[in-house]
Protein backbone atom coordinates (compact mmCIF):
# COMPACT_ATOMS: atom_id res chain seq x y z
CA MET A 1 95.05 110.22 117.86
CA ALA A 2 93.15 109.82 121.10
CA ASP A 3 95.03 109.27 124.37
CA GLU A 4 92.81 106.37 125.34
CA VAL A 5 92.83 103.39 123.00
CA ASN A 6 89.76 101.16 122.96
CA ALA A 7 90.52 99.26 119.76
CA SER A 8 90.25 95.50 119.85
CA THR A 9 93.38 95.14 117.69
CA PHE A 10 97.04 95.94 118.29
CA GLY A 11 98.57 97.36 115.12
CA PHE A 12 99.31 95.50 111.91
CA ASP A 13 100.72 92.00 111.90
CA HIS A 14 101.68 92.20 108.21
CA VAL A 15 100.44 93.44 104.84
CA GLY A 16 100.06 90.96 102.00
CA LEU A 17 100.63 92.11 98.43
CA SER A 18 99.91 90.11 95.30
CA VAL A 19 102.75 90.68 92.85
CA ARG A 20 103.21 89.86 89.19
CA ASN A 21 106.93 89.03 89.51
CA LEU A 22 108.06 87.80 92.93
CA ALA A 23 111.78 87.94 92.13
CA SER A 24 111.62 91.54 90.86
CA SER A 25 109.48 92.72 93.76
CA ARG A 26 111.71 90.98 96.31
CA LYS A 27 114.80 92.60 94.73
CA PHE A 28 113.10 96.00 94.85
CA PHE A 29 112.33 95.74 98.57
CA CYS A 30 115.59 94.05 99.57
CA ASP A 31 118.23 95.33 97.16
CA CYS A 32 116.81 98.79 96.51
CA LEU A 33 115.24 99.60 99.90
CA GLY A 34 117.55 97.50 102.09
CA TRP A 35 114.88 95.24 103.58
CA SER A 36 115.57 91.63 104.61
CA VAL A 37 113.89 88.38 103.67
CA VAL A 38 112.51 86.96 106.93
CA GLY A 39 110.81 83.92 105.40
CA GLU A 40 109.79 82.24 102.18
CA ARG A 41 107.20 79.76 101.01
CA SER A 42 108.19 78.09 97.76
CA ASP A 43 104.92 76.15 97.42
CA TYR A 44 102.77 79.31 97.02
CA PRO A 45 105.27 81.03 96.15
CA ALA A 46 105.75 83.90 98.60
CA ALA A 47 108.49 85.91 100.27
CA PHE A 48 108.19 87.67 103.61
CA VAL A 49 110.26 90.85 103.75
CA SER A 50 110.83 93.36 106.54
CA ASP A 51 112.41 96.72 107.22
CA GLY A 52 112.77 95.75 110.87
CA ARG A 53 109.52 97.47 111.84
CA GLY A 54 106.91 95.84 109.64
CA VAL A 55 106.49 92.78 107.44
CA LEU A 56 105.21 92.55 103.88
CA THR A 57 104.15 89.26 102.37
CA LEU A 58 104.79 89.24 98.63
CA TRP A 59 102.54 86.63 97.03
CA GLN A 60 103.25 85.61 93.42
CA VAL A 61 100.04 85.69 91.37
CA GLU A 62 99.13 82.37 89.78
CA SER A 63 99.16 83.55 86.15
CA PRO A 64 101.35 86.67 85.81
CA LYS A 65 100.60 87.15 82.11
CA GLU A 66 96.85 87.09 82.81
CA ALA A 67 96.99 89.28 85.94
CA ILE A 68 94.90 92.42 85.74
CA ALA A 69 96.65 95.58 86.86
CA PHE A 70 94.99 97.30 89.81
CA ASN A 71 93.19 100.55 89.07
CA ARG A 72 92.88 102.65 92.23
CA ARG A 73 89.89 104.51 90.81
CA THR A 74 87.79 101.47 89.86
CA ASN A 75 88.91 98.50 92.00
CA VAL A 76 88.33 97.80 95.66
CA GLY A 77 91.58 96.92 97.40
CA LEU A 78 94.90 98.39 98.33
CA HIS A 79 95.04 101.96 97.00
CA HIS A 80 98.72 102.25 97.92
CA LEU A 81 101.25 101.32 100.58
CA ALA A 82 102.73 104.33 102.39
CA LEU A 83 106.21 103.95 103.89
CA ALA A 84 107.66 106.49 106.33
CA VAL A 85 111.04 108.10 105.77
CA VAL A 86 112.87 109.67 108.73
CA ASP A 87 114.14 112.96 107.24
CA ARG A 88 114.09 115.07 104.08
CA ALA A 89 117.64 114.22 103.03
CA SER A 90 116.78 110.51 103.22
CA LEU A 91 113.58 111.08 101.22
CA ASP A 92 115.49 112.87 98.46
CA ALA A 93 118.24 110.22 98.36
CA LEU A 94 115.64 107.46 98.31
CA TYR A 95 113.81 109.15 95.44
CA GLN A 96 117.01 109.15 93.37
CA GLN A 97 117.61 105.48 94.10
CA VAL A 98 114.02 104.29 93.62
CA SER A 99 113.33 106.36 90.50
CA ASN A 100 116.36 104.81 88.78
CA TRP A 101 115.52 101.22 89.79
CA PRO A 102 114.66 98.90 86.86
CA ASP A 103 110.96 98.61 86.04
CA VAL A 104 109.89 101.26 88.57
CA THR A 105 107.37 103.79 87.28
CA VAL A 106 107.42 107.20 88.93
CA GLU A 107 103.96 108.67 89.40
CA PHE A 108 105.31 111.94 90.84
CA GLY A 109 108.49 113.17 92.48
CA PRO A 110 108.91 114.72 95.93
CA GLN A 111 106.25 117.32 96.61
CA ARG A 112 103.99 118.52 99.39
CA SER A 113 101.11 116.28 100.31
CA GLY A 114 98.16 118.65 100.11
CA ALA A 115 99.00 121.76 102.10
CA GLY A 116 101.90 119.98 103.82
CA PRO A 117 104.00 119.82 105.83
CA THR A 118 104.45 116.20 104.69
CA ILE A 119 106.62 115.75 101.59
CA HIS A 120 106.02 112.59 99.58
CA PHE A 121 106.53 110.83 96.27
CA MET A 122 104.69 107.95 94.63
CA VAL A 123 105.95 105.09 92.45
CA ARG A 124 104.84 101.73 91.16
CA GLU A 125 107.31 99.01 92.10
CA PRO A 126 108.28 96.43 89.42
CA SER A 127 105.05 94.41 89.84
CA GLY A 128 102.88 97.54 89.66
CA VAL A 129 102.00 98.05 93.35
CA ARG A 130 101.68 101.76 94.20
CA ILE A 131 104.06 102.81 96.95
CA GLU A 132 104.20 106.19 98.62
CA PHE A 133 107.30 107.34 100.48
CA ALA A 134 106.52 110.10 102.98
CA PHE A 135 108.49 112.39 105.28
CA ASP A 136 106.58 114.28 107.97
CA PRO A 137 108.82 116.91 109.63
CA ARG A 138 106.57 116.88 112.72
CA LEU A 139 107.65 113.26 113.35
CA GLU A 140 111.35 113.56 112.48
CA GLY A 141 112.56 113.93 116.09
CA VAL A 142 110.39 111.06 117.34
CA ARG A 143 111.53 108.73 114.57
CA LYS A 144 115.21 109.59 115.02
CA ALA A 145 114.85 108.94 118.77
CA GLN A 146 113.28 105.55 118.03
CA ILE A 147 116.23 104.68 115.79
CA ASP A 148 118.69 105.79 118.48
CA ARG A 149 116.93 103.63 121.10
CA ALA A 150 116.94 100.63 118.76
CA VAL A 151 120.70 101.02 118.16
CA GLU A 152 121.54 101.14 121.90
């Protein structure tokens, strides 16, 4: 990334995902991944969940039985959501937890992303949204330092 930033935006405010089953998706993010519900809107319905660094809005589709599954090769839209993991041990432990979660489909287990050094795995959460979990060893020290600063 360039040292000088000239962008007219300042990061992501949130990412909104349409989900087939709000309750199952919320449980995946909160019970499986340890995120927190930071808001809800029962009239839509929607849940706002966070890992303390970013926010996802999970929007229940209007007609779950009629919803068309996203095809990353033919549809325009979110190809996948990539979530960072701090270290390799955490990535491996998370893979075991996520791959055994109800209604999760594993696309592939931990492996190098291209030539590496990033190690990643890809799943579809209970509503079918593709999620990548990635560990980049070049960023491990920086991420651990950020966690340490946040704890202080």
